[in-house]
PDB file of N, CA and C in Angstrom:
ATOM      1  N   UNK A   1      -4.714   7.154 -14.373  1.00  0.00           N
ATOM      2  CA  UNK A   1      -3.399   6.678 -14.000  1.00  0.00           C
ATOM      3  C   UNK A   1      -3.446   5.177 -13.799  1.00  0.00           C
ATOM      4  N   UNK A   2      -2.314   4.521 -14.011  1.00  0.00           N
ATOM      5  CA  UNK A   2      -2.269   3.070 -13.873  1.00  0.00           C
ATOM      6  C   UNK A   2      -1.009   2.670 -13.125  1.00  0.00           C
ATOM      7  N   UNK A   3      -1.079   1.518 -12.487  1.00  0.00           N
ATOM      8  CA  UNK A   3       0.063   0.960 -11.776  1.00  0.00           C
ATOM      9  C   UNK A   3       1.055   0.385 -12.787  1.00  0.00           C
ATOM     10  N   UNK A   4       2.244  -0.057 -12.306  1.00  0.00           N
ATOM     11  CA  UNK A   4       3.211  -0.642 -13.239  1.00  0.00           C
ATOM     12  C   UNK A   4       2.634  -1.790 -14.053  1.00  0.00           C
ATOM     13  N   UNK A   5       1.693  -2.541 -13.482  1.00  0.00           N
ATOM     14  CA  UNK A   5       1.041  -3.628 -14.204  1.00  0.00           C
ATOM     15  C   UNK A   5      -0.131  -3.153 -15.040  1.00  0.00           C
ATOM     16  N   UNK A   6      -0.350  -1.851 -15.099  1.00  0.00           N
ATOM     17  CA  UNK A   6      -1.386  -1.199 -15.898  1.00  0.00           C
ATOM     18  C   UNK A   6      -2.792  -1.301 -15.311  1.00  0.00           C
ATOM     19  N   UNK A   7      -2.926  -1.744 -14.063  1.00  0.00           N
ATOM     20  CA  UNK A   7      -4.247  -1.740 -13.424  1.00  0.00           C
ATOM     21  C   UNK A   7      -4.562  -0.325 -12.958  1.00  0.00           C
ATOM     22  N   UNK A   8      -5.806   0.115 -13.048  1.00  0.00           N
ATOM     23  CA  UNK A   8      -6.159   1.449 -12.566  1.00  0.00           C
ATOM     24  C   UNK A   8      -5.860   1.602 -11.073  1.00  0.00           C
ATOM     25  N   UNK A   9      -5.330   2.766 -10.693  1.00  0.00           N
ATOM     26  CA  UNK A   9      -5.022   3.035  -9.298  1.00  0.00           C
ATOM     27  C   UNK A   9      -6.307   3.259  -8.517  1.00  0.00           C
ATOM     28  N   UNK A  10      -6.305   2.815  -7.257  1.00  0.00           N
ATOM     29  CA  UNK A  10      -7.493   2.974  -6.431  1.00  0.00           C
ATOM     30  C   UNK A  10      -7.247   3.817  -5.183  1.00  0.00           C
ATOM     31  N   UNK A  11      -5.983   3.969  -4.743  1.00  0.00           N
ATOM     32  CA  UNK A  11      -5.702   4.771  -3.566  1.00  0.00           C
ATOM     33  C   UNK A  11      -4.228   5.167  -3.530  1.00  0.00           C
ATOM     34  N   UNK A  12      -3.927   6.190  -2.733  1.00  0.00           N
ATOM     35  CA  UNK A  12      -2.581   6.756  -2.668  1.00  0.00           C
ATOM     36  C   UNK A  12      -2.355   7.360  -1.297  1.00  0.00           C
ATOM     37  N   UNK A  13      -1.140   7.205  -0.765  1.00  0.00           N
ATOM     38  CA  UNK A  13      -0.725   7.913   0.441  1.00  0.00           C
ATOM     39  C   UNK A  13       0.746   8.280   0.250  1.00  0.00           C
ATOM     40  N   UNK A  14       1.146   9.442   0.770  1.00  0.00           N
ATOM     41  CA  UNK A  14       2.513   9.943   0.584  1.00  0.00           C
ATOM     42  C   UNK A  14       3.193  10.049   1.944  1.00  0.00           C
ATOM     43  N   UNK A  15       4.459   9.606   2.013  1.00  0.00           N
ATOM     44  CA  UNK A  15       5.233   9.682   3.253  1.00  0.00           C
ATOM     45  C   UNK A  15       5.540  11.137   3.590  1.00  0.00           C
ATOM     46  N   UNK A  16       5.735  11.396   4.888  1.00  0.00           N
ATOM     47  CA  UNK A  16       6.048  12.749   5.337  1.00  0.00           C
ATOM     48  C   UNK A  16       7.382  12.843   6.062  1.00  0.00           C
ATOM     49  N   UNK A  17       7.861  11.750   6.636  1.00  0.00           N
ATOM     50  CA  UNK A  17       9.047  11.833   7.491  1.00  0.00           C
ATOM     51  C   UNK A  17      10.216  10.989   7.021  1.00  0.00           C
ATOM     52  N   UNK A  18      10.065  10.215   5.984  1.00  0.00           N
ATOM     53  CA  UNK A  18      11.178   9.385   5.508  1.00  0.00           C
ATOM     54  C   UNK A  18      12.255  10.285   4.910  1.00  0.00           C
ATOM     55  N   UNK A  19      13.489   9.784   4.797  1.00  0.00           N
ATOM     56  CA  UNK A  19      14.551  10.604   4.202  1.00  0.00           C
ATOM     57  C   UNK A  19      14.215  11.120   2.805  1.00  0.00           C
ATOM     58  N   UNK A  20      13.499  10.335   2.016  1.00  0.00           N
ATOM     59  CA  UNK A  20      13.037  10.821   0.718  1.00  0.00           C
ATOM     60  C   UNK A  20      11.526  10.603   0.643  1.00  0.00           C
ATOM     61  N   UNK A  21      10.851  11.458  -0.099  1.00  0.00           N
ATOM     62  CA  UNK A  21       9.398  11.347  -0.222  1.00  0.00           C
ATOM     63  C   UNK A  21       9.063  10.111  -1.048  1.00  0.00           C
ATOM     64  N   UNK A  22       8.148   9.305  -0.542  1.00  0.00           N
ATOM     65  CA  UNK A  22       7.683   8.116  -1.253  1.00  0.00           C
ATOM     66  C   UNK A  22       6.167   8.179  -1.377  1.00  0.00           C
ATOM     67  N   UNK A  23       5.653   7.700  -2.492  1.00  0.00           N
ATOM     68  CA  UNK A  23       4.214   7.580  -2.704  1.00  0.00           C
ATOM     69  C   UNK A  23       3.873   6.093  -2.744  1.00  0.00           C
ATOM     70  N   UNK A  24       2.923   5.690  -1.941  1.00  0.00           N
ATOM     71  CA  UNK A  24       2.462   4.309  -1.891  1.00  0.00           C
ATOM     72  C   UNK A  24       1.121   4.278  -2.607  1.00  0.00           C
ATOM     73  N   UNK A  25       0.973   3.414  -3.599  1.00  0.00           N
ATOM     74  CA  UNK A  25      -0.266   3.350  -4.369  1.00  0.00           C
ATOM     75  C   UNK A  25      -0.810   1.924  -4.391  1.00  0.00           C
ATOM     76  N   UNK A  26      -2.123   1.831  -4.291  1.00  0.00           N
ATOM     77  CA  UNK A  26      -2.807   0.554  -4.419  1.00  0.00           C
ATOM     78  C   UNK A  26      -3.609   0.561  -5.706  1.00  0.00           C
ATOM     79  N   UNK A  27      -3.825  -0.619  -6.272  1.00  0.00           N
ATOM     80  CA  UNK A  27      -4.578  -0.657  -7.527  1.00  0.00           C
ATOM     81  C   UNK A  27      -5.753  -1.616  -7.448  1.00  0.00           C
ATOM     82  N   UNK A  28      -6.520  -1.651  -8.524  1.00  0.00           N
ATOM     83  CA  UNK A  28      -7.749  -2.445  -8.562  1.00  0.00           C
ATOM     84  C   UNK A  28      -7.497  -3.947  -8.632  1.00  0.00           C
ATOM     85  N   UNK A  29      -6.255  -4.363  -8.859  1.00  0.00           N
ATOM     86  CA  UNK A  29      -5.931  -5.795  -8.913  1.00  0.00           C
ATOM     87  C   UNK A  29      -5.283  -6.295  -7.627  1.00  0.00           C
ATOM     88  N   UNK A  30      -5.225  -5.460  -6.578  1.00  0.00           N
ATOM     89  CA  UNK A  30      -4.698  -5.890  -5.291  1.00  0.00           C
ATOM     90  C   UNK A  30      -3.205  -5.682  -5.112  1.00  0.00           C
ATOM     91  N   UNK A  31      -2.560  -4.965  -6.021  1.00  0.00           N
ATOM     92  CA  UNK A  31      -1.123  -4.721  -5.938  1.00  0.00           C
ATOM     93  C   UNK A  31      -0.839  -3.428  -5.187  1.00  0.00           C
ATOM     94  N   UNK A  32       0.328  -3.366  -4.533  1.00  0.00           N
ATOM     95  CA  UNK A  32       0.807  -2.140  -3.903  1.00  0.00           C
ATOM     96  C   UNK A  32       2.165  -1.819  -4.514  1.00  0.00           C
ATOM     97  N   UNK A  33       2.353  -0.553  -4.911  1.00  0.00           N
ATOM     98  CA  UNK A  33       3.623  -0.107  -5.476  1.00  0.00           C
ATOM     99  C   UNK A  33       4.137   1.078  -4.679  1.00  0.00           C
ATOM    100  N   UNK A  34       5.473   1.226  -4.658  1.00  0.00           N
ATOM    101  CA  UNK A  34       6.118   2.347  -3.985  1.00  0.00           C
ATOM    102  C   UNK A  34       6.851   3.151  -5.050  1.00  0.00           C
ATOM    103  N   UNK A  35       6.542   4.441  -5.137  1.00  0.00           N
ATOM    104  CA  UNK A  35       7.106   5.321  -6.159  1.00  0.00           C
ATOM    105  C   UNK A  35       7.932   6.427  -5.512  1.00  0.00           C
ATOM    106  N   UNK A  36       8.927   6.902  -6.227  1.00  0.00           N
ATOM    107  CA  UNK A  36       9.635   8.125  -5.868  1.00  0.00           C
ATOM    108  C   UNK A  36       9.071   9.225  -6.770  1.00  0.00           C
ATOM    109  N   UNK A  37       8.231  10.113  -6.235  1.00  0.00           N
ATOM    110  CA  UNK A  37       7.565  11.111  -7.074  1.00  0.00           C
ATOM    111  C   UNK A  37       8.519  12.035  -7.828  1.00  0.00           C
ATOM    112  N   UNK A  38       9.654  12.364  -7.222  1.00  0.00           N
ATOM    113  CA  UNK A  38      10.543  13.326  -7.876  1.00  0.00           C
ATOM    114  C   UNK A  38      11.139  12.803  -9.174  1.00  0.00           C
ATOM    115  N   UNK A  39      11.230  11.477  -9.321  1.00  0.00           N
ATOM    116  CA  UNK A  39      11.784  10.930 -10.563  1.00  0.00           C
ATOM    117  C   UNK A  39      10.812   9.993 -11.277  1.00  0.00           C
ATOM    118  N   UNK A  40       9.691   9.654 -10.641  1.00  0.00           N
ATOM    119  CA  UNK A  40       8.687   8.807 -11.271  1.00  0.00           C
ATOM    120  C   UNK A  40       9.024   7.332 -11.317  1.00  0.00           C
ATOM    121  N   UNK A  41      10.049   6.916 -10.571  1.00  0.00           N
ATOM    122  CA  UNK A  41      10.459   5.513 -10.587  1.00  0.00           C
ATOM    123  C   UNK A  41       9.718   4.686  -9.547  1.00  0.00           C
ATOM    124  N   UNK A  42       9.388   3.446  -9.909  1.00  0.00           N
ATOM    125  CA  UNK A  42       8.844   2.485  -8.959  1.00  0.00           C
ATOM    126  C   UNK A  42      10.039   1.837  -8.257  1.00  0.00           C
ATOM    127  N   UNK A  43      10.097   1.968  -6.926  1.00  0.00           N
ATOM    128  CA  UNK A  43      11.230   1.427  -6.183  1.00  0.00           C
ATOM    129  C   UNK A  43      10.922   0.098  -5.509  1.00  0.00           C
ATOM    130  N   UNK A  44       9.651  -0.248  -5.415  1.00  0.00           N
ATOM    131  CA  UNK A  44       9.257  -1.541  -4.861  1.00  0.00           C
ATOM    132  C   UNK A  44       7.819  -1.808  -5.272  1.00  0.00           C
ATOM    133  N   UNK A  45       7.450  -3.073  -5.326  1.00  0.00           N
ATOM    134  CA  UNK A  45       6.057  -3.431  -5.567  1.00  0.00           C
ATOM    135  C   UNK A  45       5.767  -4.751  -4.889  1.00  0.00           C
ATOM    136  N   UNK A  46       4.525  -4.897  -4.473  1.00  0.00           N
ATOM    137  CA  UNK A  46       4.054  -6.138  -3.854  1.00  0.00           C
ATOM    138  C   UNK A  46       2.897  -6.629  -4.710  1.00  0.00           C
ATOM    139  N   UNK A  47       3.207  -7.488  -5.696  1.00  0.00           N
ATOM    140  CA  UNK A  47       2.129  -8.039  -6.516  1.00  0.00           C
ATOM    141  C   UNK A  47       1.196  -8.889  -5.655  1.00  0.00           C
ATOM    142  N   UNK A  48      -0.083  -8.762  -5.897  1.00  0.00           N
ATOM    143  CA  UNK A  48      -1.082  -9.547  -5.182  1.00  0.00           C
ATOM    144  C   UNK A  48      -0.962  -9.403  -3.665  1.00  0.00           C
ATOM    145  N   UNK A  49      -0.739  -8.171  -3.215  1.00  0.00           N
ATOM    146  CA  UNK A  49      -0.733  -7.902  -1.776  1.00  0.00           C
ATOM    147  C   UNK A  49      -2.086  -8.273  -1.178  1.00  0.00           C
ATOM    148  N   UNK A  50      -3.125  -8.106  -1.982  1.00  0.00           N
ATOM    149  CA  UNK A  50      -4.485  -8.512  -1.631  1.00  0.00           C
ATOM    150  C   UNK A  50      -5.064  -9.245  -2.840  1.00  0.00           C
ATOM    151  N   UNK A  51      -6.116 -10.014  -2.621  1.00  0.00           N
ATOM    152  CA  UNK A  51      -6.717 -10.748  -3.739  1.00  0.00           C
ATOM    153  C   UNK A  51      -7.797  -9.940  -4.454  1.00  0.00           C
ATOM    154  N   UNK A  52      -8.076  -8.739  -3.940  1.00  0.00           N
ATOM    155  CA  UNK A  52      -9.047  -7.858  -4.572  1.00  0.00           C
ATOM    156  C   UNK A  52      -8.514  -6.436  -4.482  1.00  0.00           C
ATOM    157  N   UNK A  53      -9.272  -5.480  -4.984  1.00  0.00           N
ATOM    158  CA  UNK A  53      -8.853  -4.075  -5.031  1.00  0.00           C
ATOM    159  C   UNK A  53      -8.360  -3.567  -3.680  1.00  0.00           C
ATOM    160  N   UNK A  54      -7.237  -2.848  -3.692  1.00  0.00           N
ATOM    161  CA  UNK A  54      -6.761  -2.147  -2.503  1.00  0.00           C
ATOM    162  C   UNK A  54      -7.614  -0.892  -2.377  1.00  0.00           C
ATOM    163  N   UNK A  55      -8.386  -0.804  -1.292  1.00  0.00           N
ATOM    164  CA  UNK A  55      -9.364   0.269  -1.153  1.00  0.00           C
ATOM    165  C   UNK A  55      -8.858   1.445  -0.328  1.00  0.00           C
ATOM    166  N   UNK A  56      -7.818   1.233   0.501  1.00  0.00           N
ATOM    167  CA  UNK A  56      -7.305   2.320   1.331  1.00  0.00           C
ATOM    168  C   UNK A  56      -5.887   2.010   1.776  1.00  0.00           C
ATOM    169  N   UNK A  57      -5.100   3.068   1.932  1.00  0.00           N
ATOM    170  CA  UNK A  57      -3.740   2.976   2.465  1.00  0.00           C
ATOM    171  C   UNK A  57      -3.585   4.061   3.523  1.00  0.00           C
ATOM    172  N   UNK A  58      -2.811   3.757   4.568  1.00  0.00           N
ATOM    173  CA  UNK A  58      -2.552   4.741   5.609  1.00  0.00           C
ATOM    174  C   UNK A  58      -1.175   4.469   6.199  1.00  0.00           C
ATOM    175  N   UNK A  59      -0.437   5.537   6.478  1.00  0.00           N
ATOM    176  CA  UNK A  59       0.882   5.419   7.092  1.00  0.00           C
ATOM    177  C   UNK A  59       0.808   5.792   8.561  1.00  0.00           C
ATOM    178  N   UNK A  60       1.660   5.145   9.373  1.00  0.00           N
ATOM    179  CA  UNK A  60       1.785   5.516  10.775  1.00  0.00           C
ATOM    180  C   UNK A  60       2.391   6.926  10.858  1.00  0.00           C
ATOM    181  N   UNK A  61       2.279   7.599  12.003  1.00  0.00           N
ATOM    182  CA  UNK A  61       2.828   8.953  12.123  1.00  0.00           C
ATOM    183  C   UNK A  61       4.322   9.048  11.815  1.00  0.00           C
ATOM    184  N   UNK A  62       5.059   7.970  12.032  1.00  0.00           N
ATOM    185  CA  UNK A  62       6.501   7.979  11.747  1.00  0.00           C
ATOM    186  C   UNK A  62       6.831   7.352  10.394  1.00  0.00           C
ATOM    187  N   UNK A  63       5.825   7.023   9.613  1.00  0.00           N
ATOM    188  CA  UNK A  63       5.974   6.459   8.262  1.00  0.00           C
ATOM    189  C   UNK A  63       6.697   5.115   8.219  1.00  0.00           C
ATOM    190  N   UNK A  64       6.756   4.404   9.344  1.00  0.00           N
ATOM    191  CA  UNK A  64       7.463   3.119   9.325  1.00  0.00           C
ATOM    192  C   UNK A  64       6.534   1.918   9.190  1.00  0.00           C
ATOM    193  N   UNK A  65       5.224   2.153   9.252  1.00  0.00           N
ATOM    194  CA  UNK A  65       4.240   1.084   9.059  1.00  0.00           C
ATOM    195  C   UNK A  65       3.173   1.583   8.086  1.00  0.00           C
ATOM    196  N   UNK A  66       2.895   0.782   7.073  1.00  0.00           N
ATOM    197  CA  UNK A  66       1.839   1.052   6.109  1.00  0.00           C
ATOM    198  C   UNK A  66       0.700   0.076   6.372  1.00  0.00           C
ATOM    199  N   UNK A  67      -0.520   0.585   6.476  1.00  0.00           N
ATOM    200  CA  UNK A  67      -1.694  -0.277   6.583  1.00  0.00           C
ATOM    201  C   UNK A  67      -2.399  -0.257   5.231  1.00  0.00           C
ATOM    202  N   UNK A  68      -2.815  -1.428   4.777  1.00  0.00           N
ATOM    203  CA  UNK A  68      -3.567  -1.524   3.528  1.00  0.00           C
ATOM    204  C   UNK A  68      -4.881  -2.244   3.796  1.00  0.00           C
ATOM    205  N   UNK A  69      -5.947  -1.723   3.206  1.00  0.00           N
ATOM    206  CA  UNK A  69      -7.265  -2.342   3.329  1.00  0.00           C
ATOM    207  C   UNK A  69      -7.720  -2.747   1.940  1.00  0.00           C
ATOM    208  N   UNK A  70      -8.604  -3.749   1.892  1.00  0.00           N
ATOM    209  CA  UNK A  70      -9.022  -4.269   0.600  1.00  0.00           C
ATOM    210  C   UNK A  70     -10.491  -4.660   0.600  1.00  0.00           C
ATOM    211  N   UNK A  71     -11.031  -4.682  -0.613  1.00  0.00           N
ATOM    212  CA  UNK A  71     -12.388  -5.178  -0.784  1.00  0.00           C
ATOM    213  C   UNK A  71     -12.463  -6.685  -0.548  1.00  0.00           C
ATOM    214  N   UNK A  72     -11.304  -7.350  -0.365  1.00  0.00           N
ATOM    215  CA  UNK A  72     -11.296  -8.787  -0.052  1.00  0.00           C
ATOM    216  C   UNK A  72     -11.531  -9.046   1.439  1.00  0.00           C
ATOM    217  N   UNK A  73     -11.882  -8.019   2.211  1.00  0.00           N
ATOM    218  CA  UNK A  73     -12.209  -8.042   3.643  1.00  0.00           C
ATOM    219  C   UNK A  73     -10.992  -8.121   4.556  1.00  0.00           C
ATOM    220  N   UNK A  74      -9.789  -7.843   4.058  1.00  0.00           N
ATOM    221  CA  UNK A  74      -8.596  -7.910   4.900  1.00  0.00           C
ATOM    222  C   UNK A  74      -7.957  -6.542   5.086  1.00  0.00           C
ATOM    223  N   UNK A  75      -7.236  -6.423   6.205  1.00  0.00           N
ATOM    224  CA  UNK A  75      -6.355  -5.293   6.482  1.00  0.00           C
ATOM    225  C   UNK A  75      -4.992  -5.886   6.761  1.00  0.00           C
ATOM    226  N   UNK A  76      -3.953  -5.362   6.113  1.00  0.00           N
ATOM    227  CA  UNK A  76      -2.589  -5.855   6.312  1.00  0.00           C
ATOM    228  C   UNK A  76      -1.694  -4.726   6.784  1.00  0.00           C
ATOM    229  N   UNK A  77      -0.700  -5.085   7.595  1.00  0.00           N
ATOM    230  CA  UNK A  77       0.305  -4.133   8.046  1.00  0.00           C
ATOM    231  C   UNK A  77       1.628  -4.480   7.387  1.00  0.00           C
ATOM    232  N   UNK A  78       2.341  -3.454   6.950  1.00  0.00           N
ATOM    233  CA  UNK A  78       3.600  -3.617   6.228  1.00  0.00           C
ATOM    234  C   UNK A  78       4.673  -2.770   6.886  1.00  0.00           C
ATOM    235  N   UNK A  79       5.837  -3.349   7.129  1.00  0.00           N
ATOM    236  CA  UNK A  79       6.978  -2.593   7.631  1.00  0.00           C
ATOM    237  C   UNK A  79       7.605  -1.859   6.449  1.00  0.00           C
ATOM    238  N   UNK A  80       7.773  -0.556   6.571  1.00  0.00           N
ATOM    239  CA  UNK A  80       8.413   0.240   5.523  1.00  0.00           C
ATOM    240  C   UNK A  80       9.901   0.286   5.844  1.00  0.00           C
ATOM    241  N   UNK A  81      10.726  -0.279   4.959  1.00  0.00           N
ATOM    242  CA  UNK A  81      12.168  -0.335   5.172  1.00  0.00           C
ATOM    243  C   UNK A  81      12.883   0.120   3.909  1.00  0.00           C
ATOM    244  N   UNK A  82      14.173   0.398   4.022  1.00  0.00           N
ATOM    245  CA  UNK A  82      14.933   0.841   2.854  1.00  0.00           C
ATOM    246  C   UNK A  82      14.881  -0.168   1.720  1.00  0.00           C
ATOM    247  N   UNK A  83      14.830  -1.445   2.051  1.00  0.00           N
ATOM    248  CA  UNK A  83      14.802  -2.475   1.016  1.00  0.00           C
ATOM    249  C   UNK A  83      13.403  -2.739   0.481  1.00  0.00           C
ATOM    250  N   UNK A  84      12.401  -2.024   0.999  1.00  0.00           N
ATOM    251  CA  UNK A  84      11.047  -2.156   0.479  1.00  0.00           C
ATOM    252  C   UNK A  84      10.045  -2.516   1.556  1.00  0.00           C
ATOM    253  N   UNK A  85       8.860  -2.903   1.130  1.00  0.00           N
ATOM    254  CA  UNK A  85       7.783  -3.266   2.056  1.00  0.00           C
ATOM    255  C   UNK A  85       7.934  -4.713   2.503  1.00  0.00           C
ATOM    256  N   UNK A  86       7.770  -4.946   3.791  1.00  0.00           N
ATOM    257  CA  UNK A  86       7.811  -6.299   4.342  1.00  0.00           C
ATOM    258  C   UNK A  86       6.569  -6.497   5.202  1.00  0.00           C
ATOM    259  N   UNK A  87       5.847  -7.583   4.956  1.00  0.00           N
ATOM    260  CA  UNK A  87       4.623  -7.853   5.729  1.00  0.00           C
ATOM    261  C   UNK A  87       4.993  -8.087   7.191  1.00  0.00           C
ATOM    262  N   UNK A  88       4.249  -7.458   8.081  1.00  0.00           N
ATOM    263  CA  UNK A  88       4.440  -7.622   9.511  1.00  0.00           C
ATOM    264  C   UNK A  88       3.879  -8.972   9.960  1.00  0.00           C
ATOM    265  N   UNK A  89       4.387  -9.492  11.053  1.00  0.00           N
ATOM    266  CA  UNK A  89       3.749 -10.667  11.636  1.00  0.00           C
ATOM    267  C   UNK A  89       2.403 -10.223  12.211  1.00  0.00           C
ATOM    268  N   UNK A  90       1.453 -11.112  12.295  1.00  0.00           N
ATOM    269  CA  UNK A  90       0.087 -10.799  12.710  1.00  0.00           C
ATOM    270  C   UNK A  90      -0.497  -9.672  11.862  1.00  0.00           C
ATOM    271  N   UNK A  91      -0.192  -9.709  10.566  1.00  0.00           N
ATOM    272  CA  UNK A  91      -0.496  -8.557   9.727  1.00  0.00           C
ATOM    273  C   UNK A  91      -1.825  -8.610   9.006  1.00  0.00           C
ATOM    274  N   UNK A  92      -2.450  -9.752   8.901  1.00  0.00           N
ATOM    275  CA  UNK A  92      -3.664  -9.823   8.106  1.00  0.00           C
ATOM    276  C   UNK A  92      -4.851 -10.038   9.026  1.00  0.00           C
ATOM    277  N   UNK A  93      -5.835  -9.171   8.917  1.00  0.00           N
ATOM    278  CA  UNK A  93      -7.019  -9.258   9.755  1.00  0.00           C
ATOM    279  C   UNK A  93      -8.241  -9.352   8.852  1.00  0.00           C
ATOM    280  N   UNK A  94      -9.016 -10.399   9.021  1.00  0.00           N
ATOM    281  CA  UNK A  94     -10.217 -10.590   8.210  1.00  0.00           C
ATOM    282  C   UNK A  94     -11.415  -9.914   8.867  1.00  0.00           C
ATOM    283  N   UNK A  95     -12.256  -9.342   8.043  1.00  0.00           N
ATOM    284  CA  UNK A  95     -13.481  -8.693   8.485  1.00  0.00           C
ATOM    285  C   UNK A  95     -14.658  -9.336   7.764  1.00  0.00           C
ATOM    286  N   UNK A  96     -15.860  -9.086   8.255  1.00  0.00           N
ATOM    287  CA  UNK A  96     -17.054  -9.680   7.659  1.00  0.00           C
ATOM    288  C   UNK A  96     -17.423  -9.045   6.326  1.00  0.00           C
ATOM    289  N   UNK A  97     -17.098  -7.758   6.149  1.00  0.00           N
ATOM    290  CA  UNK A  97     -17.453  -7.036   4.929  1.00  0.00           C
ATOM    291  C   UNK A  97     -16.222  -6.390   4.319  1.00  0.00           C
ATOM    292  N   UNK A  98     -16.410  -5.823   3.127  1.00  0.00           N
ATOM    293  CA  UNK A  98     -15.332  -5.095   2.449  1.00  0.00           C
ATOM    294  C   UNK A  98     -14.828  -3.984   3.365  1.00  0.00           C
ATOM    295  N   UNK A  99     -13.512  -3.746   3.350  1.00  0.00           N
ATOM    296  CA  UNK A  99     -12.925  -2.653   4.121  1.00  0.00           C
ATOM    297  C   UNK A  99     -12.656  -1.516   3.148  1.00  0.00           C
ATOM    298  N   UNK A 100     -13.284  -0.370   3.375  1.00  0.00           N
ATOM    299  CA  UNK A 100     -13.188   0.712   2.407  1.00  0.00           C
ATOM    300  C   UNK A 100     -12.424   1.934   2.898  1.00  0.00           C
ATOM    301  N   UNK A 101     -12.036   1.967   4.192  1.00  0.00           N
ATOM    302  CA  UNK A 101     -11.263   3.117   4.658  1.00  0.00           C
ATOM    303  C   UNK A 101     -10.417   2.734   5.863  1.00  0.00           C
ATOM    304  N   UNK A 102      -9.383   3.541   6.092  1.00  0.00           N
ATOM    305  CA  UNK A 102      -8.490   3.391   7.247  1.00  0.00           C
ATOM    306  C   UNK A 102      -8.262   4.780   7.827  1.00  0.00           C
ATOM    307  N   UNK A 103      -7.846   4.827   9.095  1.00  0.00           N
ATOM    308  CA  UNK A 103      -7.491   6.121   9.662  1.00  0.00           C
ATOM    309  C   UNK A 103      -6.244   5.974  10.457  1.00  0.00           C
TER     310      UNK A 103
END
């Protein structure tokens, strides 16, 4: 499978509580896309959300915050809104090594 930009997908998380089901996907080029699985449409994308592969995605219990981790050593928080993903303030956290998972 590939992202809209044709980069291989690296991770996926699906919403559980939003009015419609959304799939959030990260790819090997650092992009994050939001898909509607029932119709296969991309409803939002964040090109270059990270400068390296998105290694993990996780949603808050209420699906209003998306966390993304990357091999570029950062973790970012994103507000999930009807108009798409918006980076949270204080959203990027640098680590000493690659970040490969979130919980």
